[in-house]
PDB file of N, CA and C in Angstrom:
ATOM      1  N   MET A   1       0.750  -1.636  -0.059  1.00  0.00           N
ATOM      2  CA  MET A   1      -0.139   0.035  -0.139  1.00  0.00           C
ATOM      3  C   MET A   1       0.847   1.007   0.065  1.00  0.00           C
ATOM      4  N   GLU A   2       0.395   2.071  -0.759  1.00  0.00           N
ATOM      5  CA  GLU A   2       1.217   3.512  -0.871  1.00  0.00           C
ATOM      6  C   GLU A   2       1.014   4.252   0.658  1.00  0.00           C
ATOM      7  N   GLN A   3       2.254   5.065   0.543  1.00  0.00           N
ATOM      8  CA  GLN A   3       1.948   6.115   1.552  1.00  0.00           C
ATOM      9  C   GLN A   3       1.343   7.240   1.034  1.00  0.00           C
ATOM     10  N   PHE A   4       0.730   8.124   1.525  1.00  0.00           N
ATOM     11  CA  PHE A   4       0.159   9.460   1.102  1.00  0.00           C
ATOM     12  C   PHE A   4       0.201  10.807   2.077  1.00  0.00           C
ATOM     13  N   CYS A   5       0.838  11.628   1.699  1.00  0.00           N
ATOM     14  CA  CYS A   5       1.336  12.963   2.102  1.00  0.00           C
ATOM     15  C   CYS A   5       0.655  14.065   1.966  1.00  0.00           C
ATOM     16  N   HIS A   6      -0.102  14.755   2.985  1.00  0.00           N
ATOM     17  CA  HIS A   6      -1.091  15.580   2.580  1.00  0.00           C
ATOM     18  C   HIS A   6      -0.319  17.024   3.646  1.00  0.00           C
ATOM     19  N   SER A   7      -0.605  18.144   2.883  1.00  0.00           N
ATOM     20  CA  SER A   7      -0.159  19.107   3.513  1.00  0.00           C
ATOM     21  C   SER A   7      -0.918  20.502   3.454  1.00  0.00           C
ATOM     22  N   GLN A   8      -1.053  20.690   4.835  1.00  0.00           N
ATOM     23  CA  GLN A   8      -2.227  22.168   5.103  1.00  0.00           C
ATOM     24  C   GLN A   8      -1.146  23.110   5.745  1.00  0.00           C
ATOM     25  N   LYS A   9      -0.823  24.412   5.341  1.00  0.00           N
ATOM     26  CA  LYS A   9      -0.215  25.396   6.469  1.00  0.00           C
ATOM     27  C   LYS A   9       0.743  24.545   6.653  1.00  0.00           C
ATOM     28  N   SER A  10       1.355  24.672   7.838  1.00  0.00           N
ATOM     29  CA  SER A  10       2.562  23.798   8.115  1.00  0.00           C
ATOM     30  C   SER A  10       2.686  22.219   8.778  1.00  0.00           C
ATOM     31  N   LEU A  11       1.028  21.967   8.888  1.00  0.00           N
ATOM     32  CA  LEU A  11       1.003  20.690   9.103  1.00  0.00           C
ATOM     33  C   LEU A  11       1.044  19.355   8.026  1.00  0.00           C
ATOM     34  N   HIS A  12       1.958  18.944   8.004  1.00  0.00           N
ATOM     35  CA  HIS A  12       2.409  17.472   6.968  1.00  0.00           C
ATOM     36  C   HIS A  12       2.197  16.030   7.614  1.00  0.00           C
ATOM     37  N   TYR A  13       1.181  15.609   7.138  1.00  0.00           N
ATOM     38  CA  TYR A  13       0.832  14.472   8.117  1.00  0.00           C
ATOM     39  C   TYR A  13       1.051  13.188   6.933  1.00  0.00           C
ATOM     40  N   THR A  14       1.216  11.833   7.695  1.00  0.00           N
ATOM     41  CA  THR A  14       1.427  10.851   6.533  1.00  0.00           C
ATOM     42  C   THR A  14      -0.029   9.973   6.825  1.00  0.00           C
ATOM     43  N   VAL A  15      -0.370   9.254   5.980  1.00  0.00           N
ATOM     44  CA  VAL A  15      -1.067   8.143   5.995  1.00  0.00           C
ATOM     45  C   VAL A  15      -0.571   6.740   5.918  1.00  0.00           C
ATOM     46  N   ARG A  16      -0.684   6.091   6.182  1.00  0.00           N
ATOM     47  CA  ARG A  16      -0.433   4.687   6.236  1.00  0.00           C
ATOM     48  C   ARG A  16      -1.059   4.009   7.077  1.00  0.00           C
ATOM     49  N   PRO A  17      -0.690   2.444   6.635  1.00  0.00           N
ATOM     50  CA  PRO A  17      -1.345   1.148   7.623  1.00  0.00           C
ATOM     51  C   PRO A  17      -0.810   1.369   8.608  1.00  0.00           C
ATOM     52  N   GLY A  18      -1.938   0.967   9.572  1.00  0.00           N
ATOM     53  CA  GLY A  18      -1.686   0.848  11.118  1.00  0.00           C
ATOM     54  C   GLY A  18      -0.498  -0.105  11.492  1.00  0.00           C
ATOM     55  N   GLN A  19       0.267  -0.188  12.550  1.00  0.00           N
ATOM     56  CA  GLN A  19       0.667  -0.825  13.347  1.00  0.00           C
ATOM     57  C   GLN A  19       0.542  -0.992  14.341  1.00  0.00           C
ATOM     58  N   ARG A  20       1.271  -2.362  15.089  1.00  0.00           N
ATOM     59  CA  ARG A  20       1.223  -2.382  16.510  1.00  0.00           C
ATOM     60  C   ARG A  20       1.678  -1.419  17.177  1.00  0.00           C
ATOM     61  N   GLY A  21       2.976  -0.744  16.930  1.00  0.00           N
ATOM     62  CA  GLY A  21       3.512   0.519  17.639  1.00  0.00           C
ATOM     63  C   GLY A  21       2.334   1.647  17.567  1.00  0.00           C
ATOM     64  N   ASP A  22       1.352   1.357  16.807  1.00  0.00           N
ATOM     65  CA  ASP A  22       0.437   2.635  16.715  1.00  0.00           C
ATOM     66  C   ASP A  22      -0.622   2.617  17.841  1.00  0.00           C
ATOM     67  N   ILE A  23      -0.851   1.381  18.824  1.00  0.00           N
ATOM     68  CA  ILE A  23      -1.963   1.028  19.593  1.00  0.00           C
ATOM     69  C   ILE A  23      -2.051   2.213  20.766  1.00  0.00           C
ATOM     70  N   ALA A  24      -1.045   2.714  20.721  1.00  0.00           N
ATOM     71  CA  ALA A  24      -1.210   3.295  22.143  1.00  0.00           C
ATOM     72  C   ALA A  24      -1.816   4.506  21.583  1.00  0.00           C
ATOM     73  N   GLY A  25      -1.526   5.229  19.905  1.00  0.00           N
ATOM     74  CA  GLY A  25      -1.629   6.528  20.148  1.00  0.00           C
ATOM     75  C   GLY A  25      -3.221   6.513  19.287  1.00  0.00           C
ATOM     76  N   ILE A  26      -3.707   5.124  18.465  1.00  0.00           N
ATOM     77  CA  ILE A  26      -5.249   4.848  18.127  1.00  0.00           C
ATOM     78  C   ILE A  26      -5.851   5.211  19.636  1.00  0.00           C
ATOM     79  N   GLN A  27      -5.858   4.418  20.740  1.00  0.00           N
ATOM     80  CA  GLN A  27      -6.724   4.493  21.921  1.00  0.00           C
ATOM     81  C   GLN A  27      -6.406   6.119  22.210  1.00  0.00           C
ATOM     82  N   GLU A  28      -5.329   6.511  22.483  1.00  0.00           N
ATOM     83  CA  GLU A  28      -5.654   8.371  22.758  1.00  0.00           C
ATOM     84  C   GLU A  28      -6.664   9.066  21.554  1.00  0.00           C
ATOM     85  N   VAL A  29      -6.391   8.793  20.626  1.00  0.00           N
ATOM     86  CA  VAL A  29      -7.386   9.232  19.458  1.00  0.00           C
ATOM     87  C   VAL A  29      -8.711   8.980  20.148  1.00  0.00           C
ATOM     88  N   ALA A  30      -9.133   7.998  19.877  1.00  0.00           N
ATOM     89  CA  ALA A  30     -10.423   7.115  20.335  1.00  0.00           C
ATOM     90  C   ALA A  30     -10.698   7.971  21.707  1.00  0.00           C
ATOM     91  N   ARG A  31     -10.190   7.857  22.846  1.00  0.00           N
ATOM     92  CA  ARG A  31     -10.534   8.218  23.987  1.00  0.00           C
ATOM     93  C   ARG A  31     -10.913   9.866  23.547  1.00  0.00           C
ATOM     94  N   ALA A  32      -9.912  10.767  23.107  1.00  0.00           N
ATOM     95  CA  ALA A  32     -10.286  11.990  22.998  1.00  0.00           C
ATOM     96  C   ALA A  32     -11.390  12.040  22.117  1.00  0.00           C
ATOM     97  N   SER A  33     -11.737  11.576  21.139  1.00  0.00           N
ATOM     98  CA  SER A  33     -12.733  11.820  20.154  1.00  0.00           C
ATOM     99  C   SER A  33     -14.258  11.358  20.859  1.00  0.00           C
ATOM    100  N   TRP A  34     -14.179  10.207  21.355  1.00  0.00           N
ATOM    101  CA  TRP A  34     -15.216   9.777  21.797  1.00  0.00           C
ATOM    102  C   TRP A  34     -15.731  10.853  23.188  1.00  0.00           C
ATOM    103  N   HIS A  35     -14.777  10.912  23.907  1.00  0.00           N
ATOM    104  CA  HIS A  35     -15.221  12.129  25.099  1.00  0.00           C
ATOM    105  C   HIS A  35     -15.638  13.336  24.849  1.00  0.00           C
ATOM    106  N   GLY A  36     -15.113  13.899  23.396  1.00  0.00           N
ATOM    107  CA  GLY A  36     -15.292  15.311  23.083  1.00  0.00           C
ATOM    108  C   GLY A  36     -16.631  15.286  22.619  1.00  0.00           C
ATOM    109  N   ALA A  37     -16.961  14.217  21.393  1.00  0.00           N
ATOM    110  CA  ALA A  37     -17.896  14.168  20.603  1.00  0.00           C
ATOM    111  C   ALA A  37     -19.395  13.770  21.566  1.00  0.00           C
ATOM    112  N   HIS A  38     -18.741  12.753  22.532  1.00  0.00           N
ATOM    113  CA  HIS A  38     -20.407  11.907  23.022  1.00  0.00           C
ATOM    114  C   HIS A  38     -20.548  12.682  24.517  1.00  0.00           C
ATOM    115  N   HIS A  39     -19.763  13.652  25.055  1.00  0.00           N
ATOM    116  CA  HIS A  39     -19.926  13.828  26.653  1.00  0.00           C
ATOM    117  C   HIS A  39     -21.340  14.160  27.211  1.00  0.00           C
ATOM    118  N   GLU A  40     -22.549  14.536  26.098  1.00  0.00           N
ATOM    119  CA  GLU A  40     -23.647  15.387  26.554  1.00  0.00           C
ATOM    120  C   GLU A  40     -24.518  13.796  26.420  1.00  0.00           C
ATOM    121  N   ILE A  41     -24.444  12.803  25.765  1.00  0.00           N
ATOM    122  CA  ILE A  41     -25.042  11.218  25.348  1.00  0.00           C
ATOM    123  C   ILE A  41     -24.468  10.546  26.495  1.00  0.00           C
ATOM    124  N   PHE A  42     -23.291  10.197  26.755  1.00  0.00           N
ATOM    125  CA  PHE A  42     -22.645   9.077  27.385  1.00  0.00           C
ATOM    126  C   PHE A  42     -22.142   9.518  28.899  1.00  0.00           C
ATOM    127  N   SER A  43     -22.224   9.115  29.962  1.00  0.00           N
ATOM    128  CA  SER A  43     -21.436   9.037  30.875  1.00  0.00           C
ATOM    129  C   SER A  43     -19.801   9.046  30.845  1.00  0.00           C
ATOM    130  N   LYS A  44     -19.143   9.501  31.664  1.00  0.00           N
ATOM    131  CA  LYS A  44     -17.605   9.350  31.141  1.00  0.00           C
ATOM    132  C   LYS A  44     -17.356   7.912  31.663  1.00  0.00           C
ATOM    133  N   ASP A  45     -18.236   6.968  32.570  1.00  0.00           N
ATOM    134  CA  ASP A  45     -17.926   5.684  33.259  1.00  0.00           C
ATOM    135  C   ASP A  45     -18.426   4.776  32.196  1.00  0.00           C
ATOM    136  N   ALA A  46     -19.561   5.218  31.134  1.00  0.00           N
ATOM    137  CA  ALA A  46     -19.806   4.470  30.278  1.00  0.00           C
ATOM    138  C   ALA A  46     -19.043   4.202  29.129  1.00  0.00           C
ATOM    139  N   MET A  47     -18.774   5.403  28.659  1.00  0.00           N
ATOM    140  CA  MET A  47     -17.672   5.857  27.697  1.00  0.00           C
ATOM    141  C   MET A  47     -16.056   4.812  27.733  1.00  0.00           C
ATOM    142  N   ASP A  48     -15.665   4.861  28.881  1.00  0.00           N
ATOM    143  CA  ASP A  48     -14.625   4.336  29.546  1.00  0.00           C
ATOM    144  C   ASP A  48     -14.655   2.812  29.603  1.00  0.00           C
ATOM    145  N   LEU A  49     -15.754   2.128  29.887  1.00  0.00           N
ATOM    146  CA  LEU A  49     -15.906   0.605  29.536  1.00  0.00           C
ATOM    147  C   LEU A  49     -16.074   0.367  28.210  1.00  0.00           C
ATOM    148  N   PHE A  50     -16.779   1.264  27.477  1.00  0.00           N
ATOM    149  CA  PHE A  50     -16.757   0.768  25.831  1.00  0.00           C
ATOM    150  C   PHE A  50     -15.237   1.060  25.264  1.00  0.00           C
ATOM    151  N   LEU A  51     -14.883   2.322  25.697  1.00  0.00           N
ATOM    152  CA  LEU A  51     -13.336   2.215  25.297  1.00  0.00           C
ATOM    153  C   LEU A  51     -12.552   0.942  25.535  1.00  0.00           C
ATOM    154  N   ALA A  52     -12.608   0.810  26.945  1.00  0.00           N
ATOM    155  CA  ALA A  52     -11.540  -0.145  27.284  1.00  0.00           C
ATOM    156  C   ALA A  52     -11.767  -1.592  26.573  1.00  0.00           C
ATOM    157  N   SER A  53     -12.802  -1.763  26.222  1.00  0.00           N
ATOM    158  CA  SER A  53     -13.501  -2.858  25.452  1.00  0.00           C
ATOM    159  C   SER A  53     -12.807  -3.064  23.914  1.00  0.00           C
ATOM    160  N   VAL A  54     -13.722  -1.905  23.527  1.00  0.00           N
ATOM    161  CA  VAL A  54     -13.415  -1.983  21.989  1.00  0.00           C
ATOM    162  C   VAL A  54     -12.491  -1.648  21.500  1.00  0.00           C
ATOM    163  N   TYR A  55     -11.515  -1.100  22.336  1.00  0.00           N
ATOM    164  CA  TYR A  55     -10.477  -0.169  21.925  1.00  0.00           C
ATOM    165  C   TYR A  55      -8.966  -1.096  22.652  1.00  0.00           C
ATOM    166  N   SER A  56      -9.353  -2.134  23.646  1.00  0.00           N
ATOM    167  CA  SER A  56      -8.210  -2.878  24.331  1.00  0.00           C
ATOM    168  C   SER A  56      -6.921  -3.202  23.468  1.00  0.00           C
ATOM    169  N   ARG A  57      -6.022  -3.440  23.660  1.00  0.00           N
ATOM    170  CA  ARG A  57      -4.811  -3.898  23.015  1.00  0.00           C
ATOM    171  C   ARG A  57      -5.084  -5.028  22.161  1.00  0.00           C
ATOM    172  N   VAL A  58      -5.417  -5.995  23.009  1.00  0.00           N
ATOM    173  CA  VAL A  58      -6.199  -7.103  22.282  1.00  0.00           C
ATOM    174  C   VAL A  58      -7.158  -7.157  21.147  1.00  0.00           C
ATOM    175  N   SER A  59      -7.854  -6.233  21.008  1.00  0.00           N
ATOM    176  CA  SER A  59      -9.201  -6.012  20.258  1.00  0.00           C
ATOM    177  C   SER A  59      -8.441  -5.191  19.257  1.00  0.00           C
ATOM    178  N   LEU A  60      -7.229  -4.181  19.088  1.00  0.00           N
ATOM    179  CA  LEU A  60      -6.699  -3.303  18.129  1.00  0.00           C
ATOM    180  C   LEU A  60      -5.545  -4.294  17.604  1.00  0.00           C
ATOM    181  N   ARG A  61      -5.144  -5.356  18.362  1.00  0.00           N
ATOM    182  CA  ARG A  61      -4.230  -6.532  17.803  1.00  0.00           C
ATOM    183  C   ARG A  61      -4.549  -6.992  16.257  1.00  0.00           C
ATOM    184  N   THR A  62      -6.126  -7.444  16.820  1.00  0.00           N
ATOM    185  CA  THR A  62      -6.469  -8.207  16.177  1.00  0.00           C
ATOM    186  C   THR A  62      -7.414  -7.548  14.806  1.00  0.00           C
ATOM    187  N   SER A  63      -8.104  -6.018  14.790  1.00  0.00           N
ATOM    188  CA  SER A  63      -8.440  -5.385  13.863  1.00  0.00           C
ATOM    189  C   SER A  63      -6.975  -5.037  13.052  1.00  0.00           C
ATOM    190  N   LEU A  64      -6.110  -4.443  13.624  1.00  0.00           N
ATOM    191  CA  LEU A  64      -4.588  -4.615  12.654  1.00  0.00           C
ATOM    192  C   LEU A  64      -4.294  -5.775  12.133  1.00  0.00           C
ATOM    193  N   ALA A  65      -4.195  -7.003  12.190  1.00  0.00           N
ATOM    194  CA  ALA A  65      -4.054  -8.429  11.614  1.00  0.00           C
ATOM    195  C   ALA A  65      -4.992  -8.373  10.765  1.00  0.00           C
ATOM    196  N   ASN A  66      -6.075  -8.123  10.484  1.00  0.00           N
ATOM    197  CA  ASN A  66      -7.140  -8.336   9.969  1.00  0.00           C
ATOM    198  C   ASN A  66      -6.986  -8.065   8.193  1.00  0.00           C
ATOM    199  N   ARG A  67      -6.618  -9.281   7.721  1.00  0.00           N
ATOM    200  CA  ARG A  67      -6.396  -9.103   6.107  1.00  0.00           C
ATOM    201  C   ARG A  67      -7.742  -8.980   5.547  1.00  0.00           C
ATOM    202  N   CYS A  68      -8.986  -9.047   6.089  1.00  0.00           N
ATOM    203  CA  CYS A  68      -9.895  -8.746   5.269  1.00  0.00           C
ATOM    204  C   CYS A  68     -10.349  -7.024   5.427  1.00  0.00           C
ATOM    205  N   ALA A  69      -9.688  -6.573   6.061  1.00  0.00           N
ATOM    206  CA  ALA A  69     -10.083  -4.766   6.252  1.00  0.00           C
ATOM    207  C   ALA A  69      -8.716  -4.311   6.281  1.00  0.00           C
ATOM    208  N   THR A  70      -9.228  -2.899   6.105  1.00  0.00           N
ATOM    209  CA  THR A  70      -7.920  -1.900   6.079  1.00  0.00           C
ATOM    210  C   THR A  70      -7.981  -0.736   7.456  1.00  0.00           C
ATOM    211  N   PHE A  71      -6.980  -0.565   7.917  1.00  0.00           N
ATOM    212  CA  PHE A  71      -6.794   0.188   9.004  1.00  0.00           C
ATOM    213  C   PHE A  71      -5.604   1.350   8.778  1.00  0.00           C
ATOM    214  N   LEU A  72      -6.074   2.534   8.687  1.00  0.00           N
ATOM    215  CA  LEU A  72      -5.039   3.535   8.349  1.00  0.00           C
ATOM    216  C   LEU A  72      -4.780   4.392   9.824  1.00  0.00           C
ATOM    217  N   VAL A  73      -3.750   5.017   9.638  1.00  0.00           N
ATOM    218  CA  VAL A  73      -3.696   5.734  10.427  1.00  0.00           C
ATOM    219  C   VAL A  73      -2.934   7.133   9.800  1.00  0.00           C
ATOM    220  N   ALA A  74      -3.057   8.210  10.292  1.00  0.00           N
ATOM    221  CA  ALA A  74      -3.297   9.933   9.875  1.00  0.00           C
ATOM    222  C   ALA A  74      -1.700  10.068  11.061  1.00  0.00           C
ATOM    223  N   VAL A  75      -0.537  10.198  10.375  1.00  0.00           N
ATOM    224  CA  VAL A  75       0.940  10.467  11.526  1.00  0.00           C
ATOM    225  C   VAL A  75       1.390  11.694  11.042  1.00  0.00           C
ATOM    226  N   PHE A  76       1.745  12.567  12.349  1.00  0.00           N
ATOM    227  CA  PHE A  76       2.635  13.845  12.202  1.00  0.00           C
ATOM    228  C   PHE A  76       3.560  13.685  13.344  1.00  0.00           C
ATOM    229  N   ASP A  77       4.547  13.833  12.864  1.00  0.00           N
ATOM    230  CA  ASP A  77       5.744  13.789  14.073  1.00  0.00           C
ATOM    231  C   ASP A  77       5.411  12.643  14.865  1.00  0.00           C
ATOM    232  N   GLY A  78       5.414  11.537  14.304  1.00  0.00           N
ATOM    233  CA  GLY A  78       5.246   9.929  14.937  1.00  0.00           C
ATOM    234  C   GLY A  78       4.194  10.059  15.866  1.00  0.00           C
ATOM    235  N   ARG A  79       3.133  11.361  16.075  1.00  0.00           N
ATOM    236  CA  ARG A  79       1.990  10.953  16.535  1.00  0.00           C
ATOM    237  C   ARG A  79       0.857  10.499  15.934  1.00  0.00           C
ATOM    238  N   VAL A  80      -0.140   9.589  16.554  1.00  0.00           N
ATOM    239  CA  VAL A  80      -1.406   9.524  15.364  1.00  0.00           C
ATOM    240  C   VAL A  80      -2.272  10.702  15.497  1.00  0.00           C
ATOM    241  N   LEU A  81      -2.410  10.958  14.523  1.00  0.00           N
ATOM    242  CA  LEU A  81      -3.283  11.818  14.665  1.00  0.00           C
ATOM    243  C   LEU A  81      -5.094  11.569  14.421  1.00  0.00           C
ATOM    244  N   GLY A  82      -5.242  10.518  13.928  1.00  0.00           N
ATOM    245  CA  GLY A  82      -6.580  10.045  13.294  1.00  0.00           C
ATOM    246  C   GLY A  82      -6.386   8.489  12.981  1.00  0.00           C
ATOM    247  N   PHE A  83      -7.629   7.654  12.947  1.00  0.00           N
ATOM    248  CA  PHE A  83      -7.290   6.608  12.327  1.00  0.00           C
ATOM    249  C   PHE A  83      -8.853   6.361  11.551  1.00  0.00           C
ATOM    250  N   CYS A  84      -8.895   5.445  10.753  1.00  0.00           N
ATOM    251  CA  CYS A  84     -10.153   4.655  10.118  1.00  0.00           C
ATOM    252  C   CYS A  84      -9.718   3.183   9.942  1.00  0.00           C
ATOM    253  N   GLU A  85     -10.986   2.850  10.078  1.00  0.00           N
ATOM    254  CA  GLU A  85     -10.727   1.157   9.366  1.00  0.00           C
ATOM    255  C   GLU A  85     -12.231   0.545   9.049  1.00  0.00           C
ATOM    256  N   PHE A  86     -12.030  -0.116   7.648  1.00  0.00           N
ATOM    257  CA  PHE A  86     -13.196  -0.354   6.866  1.00  0.00           C
ATOM    258  C   PHE A  86     -12.733  -1.557   5.985  1.00  0.00           C
ATOM    259  N   GLY A  87     -13.585  -2.620   5.484  1.00  0.00           N
ATOM    260  CA  GLY A  87     -13.709  -3.784   5.164  1.00  0.00           C
ATOM    261  C   GLY A  87     -14.470  -4.984   5.988  1.00  0.00           C
ATOM    262  N   ASP A  88     -14.262  -6.082   5.735  1.00  0.00           N
ATOM    263  CA  ASP A  88     -14.761  -6.984   6.301  1.00  0.00           C
ATOM    264  C   ASP A  88     -13.955  -7.437   7.939  1.00  0.00           C
ATOM    265  N   ARG A  89     -14.930  -7.513   8.715  1.00  0.00           N
ATOM    266  CA  ARG A  89     -14.634  -8.009  10.147  1.00  0.00           C
ATOM    267  C   ARG A  89     -14.480  -9.558  10.209  1.00  0.00           C
ATOM    268  N   GLY A  90     -14.241 -10.312   9.253  1.00  0.00           N
ATOM    269  CA  GLY A  90     -14.471 -11.739   9.273  1.00  0.00           C
ATOM    270  C   GLY A  90     -15.762 -12.587   9.563  1.00  0.00           C
ATOM    271  N   ALA A  91     -16.950 -11.704   9.717  1.00  0.00           N
ATOM    272  CA  ALA A  91     -17.979 -12.914  10.003  1.00  0.00           C
ATOM    273  C   ALA A  91     -18.521 -13.645   8.944  1.00  0.00           C
ATOM    274  N   GLY A  92     -17.735 -13.481   7.506  1.00  0.00           N
ATOM    275  CA  GLY A  92     -18.359 -14.305   6.530  1.00  0.00           C
ATOM    276  C   GLY A  92     -18.952 -13.507   5.826  1.00  0.00           C
ATOM    277  N   PRO A  93     -18.961 -14.188   4.562  1.00  0.00           N
ATOM    278  CA  PRO A  93     -19.703 -13.799   3.285  1.00  0.00           C
ATOM    279  C   PRO A  93     -20.998 -13.390   3.044  1.00  0.00           C
ATOM    280  N   LYS A  94     -21.710 -14.286   3.959  1.00  0.00           N
ATOM    281  CA  LYS A  94     -23.313 -13.444   4.105  1.00  0.00           C
ATOM    282  C   LYS A  94     -23.429 -12.389   5.324  1.00  0.00           C
ATOM    283  N   SER A  95     -22.637 -12.486   6.121  1.00  0.00           N
ATOM    284  CA  SER A  95     -22.903 -11.174   6.965  1.00  0.00           C
ATOM    285  C   SER A  95     -23.118 -10.042   6.680  1.00  0.00           C
ATOM    286  N   PRO A  96     -24.355  -9.373   7.384  1.00  0.00           N
ATOM    287  CA  PRO A  96     -24.168  -7.785   6.956  1.00  0.00           C
ATOM    288  C   PRO A  96     -23.276  -6.677   7.177  1.00  0.00           C
ATOM    289  N   ALA A  97     -22.102  -7.330   8.059  1.00  0.00           N
ATOM    290  CA  ALA A  97     -21.027  -6.431   7.854  1.00  0.00           C
ATOM    291  C   ALA A  97     -20.136  -6.634   7.592  1.00  0.00           C
ATOM    292  N   ARG A  98     -20.171  -7.326   6.311  1.00  0.00           N
ATOM    293  CA  ARG A  98     -19.200  -7.385   5.340  1.00  0.00           C
ATOM    294  C   ARG A  98     -18.681  -6.130   4.306  1.00  0.00           C
ATOM    295  N   ASN A  99     -17.929  -5.556   4.180  1.00  0.00           N
ATOM    296  CA  ASN A  99     -17.562  -4.634   3.181  1.00  0.00           C
ATOM    297  C   ASN A  99     -17.885  -3.066   3.729  1.00  0.00           C
ATOM    298  N   GLU A 100     -17.934  -3.104   5.359  1.00  0.00           N
ATOM    299  CA  GLU A 100     -18.699  -1.727   6.034  1.00  0.00           C
ATOM    300  C   GLU A 100     -17.099  -0.703   6.089  1.00  0.00           C
ATOM    301  N   PHE A 101     -17.728   0.378   6.766  1.00  0.00           N
ATOM    302  CA  PHE A 101     -16.750   1.411   6.901  1.00  0.00           C
ATOM    303  C   PHE A 101     -16.994   1.175   8.527  1.00  0.00           C
ATOM    304  N   ILE A 102     -15.660   0.827   9.087  1.00  0.00           N
ATOM    305  CA  ILE A 102     -15.968   0.339  10.638  1.00  0.00           C
ATOM    306  C   ILE A 102     -15.656   1.631  11.609  1.00  0.00           C
ATOM    307  N   ASP A 103     -14.739   2.053  11.383  1.00  0.00           N
ATOM    308  CA  ASP A 103     -14.512   3.436  12.286  1.00  0.00           C
ATOM    309  C   ASP A 103     -13.492   4.316  11.615  1.00  0.00           C
ATOM    310  N   PHE A 104     -14.073   5.657  12.266  1.00  0.00           N
ATOM    311  CA  PHE A 104     -12.938   6.623  11.822  1.00  0.00           C
ATOM    312  C   PHE A 104     -13.379   8.089  12.677  1.00  0.00           C
ATOM    313  N   LYS A 105     -11.794   8.265  13.329  1.00  0.00           N
ATOM    314  CA  LYS A 105     -11.548   8.729  14.651  1.00  0.00           C
ATOM    315  C   LYS A 105     -10.385  10.280  14.019  1.00  0.00           C
ATOM    316  N   PRO A 106     -10.794  11.271  14.337  1.00  0.00           N
ATOM    317  CA  PRO A 106      -9.794  12.384  14.119  1.00  0.00           C
ATOM    318  C   PRO A 106      -9.521  12.972  15.371  1.00  0.00           C
ATOM    319  N   LEU A 107      -8.390  12.916  15.427  1.00  0.00           N
ATOM    320  CA  LEU A 107      -7.839  14.141  17.011  1.00  0.00           C
ATOM    321  C   LEU A 107      -7.797  15.505  16.279  1.00  0.00           C
ATOM    322  N   ARG A 108      -9.068  16.352  16.932  1.00  0.00           N
ATOM    323  CA  ARG A 108      -9.193  17.585  16.897  1.00  0.00           C
ATOM    324  C   ARG A 108      -8.084  18.505  16.906  1.00  0.00           C
ATOM    325  N   PHE A 109      -7.073  18.457  18.269  1.00  0.00           N
ATOM    326  CA  PHE A 109      -6.493  19.485  18.464  1.00  0.00           C
ATOM    327  C   PHE A 109      -5.065  18.690  18.664  1.00  0.00           C
ATOM    328  N   PHE A 110      -4.003  19.588  18.577  1.00  0.00           N
ATOM    329  CA  PHE A 110      -2.534  18.957  19.002  1.00  0.00           C
ATOM    330  C   PHE A 110      -2.151  19.663  19.840  1.00  0.00           C
ATOM    331  N   GLY A 111      -1.471  18.673  20.971  1.00  0.00           N
ATOM    332  CA  GLY A 111      -0.850  19.527  22.170  1.00  0.00           C
ATOM    333  C   GLY A 111      -1.018  18.789  23.313  1.00  0.00           C
TER     334      GLY A 111
END
């Protein structure tokens, strides 16, 4: 897969396939984006439980290793700024989950 580079003003970031070394950054982006976007809908405790399950190290390792899906990260200066995942979660050819857009989370602020 090719790497893409985008430049807007002074921010240059690269989009590339996610790797195991990106897991902590993916978790950081997931926490920041979920808490930022859903704080008026869900309690902090409910979101923390959800995030601990869906974005656990084991769950993310499985997602990154899934050959039937694509997991991309946007990286700036070694830091994960956002990620997306799409494809088949491995539920089988007759599953309604086949070829779905699974997730997209951008980090809205830098610092």
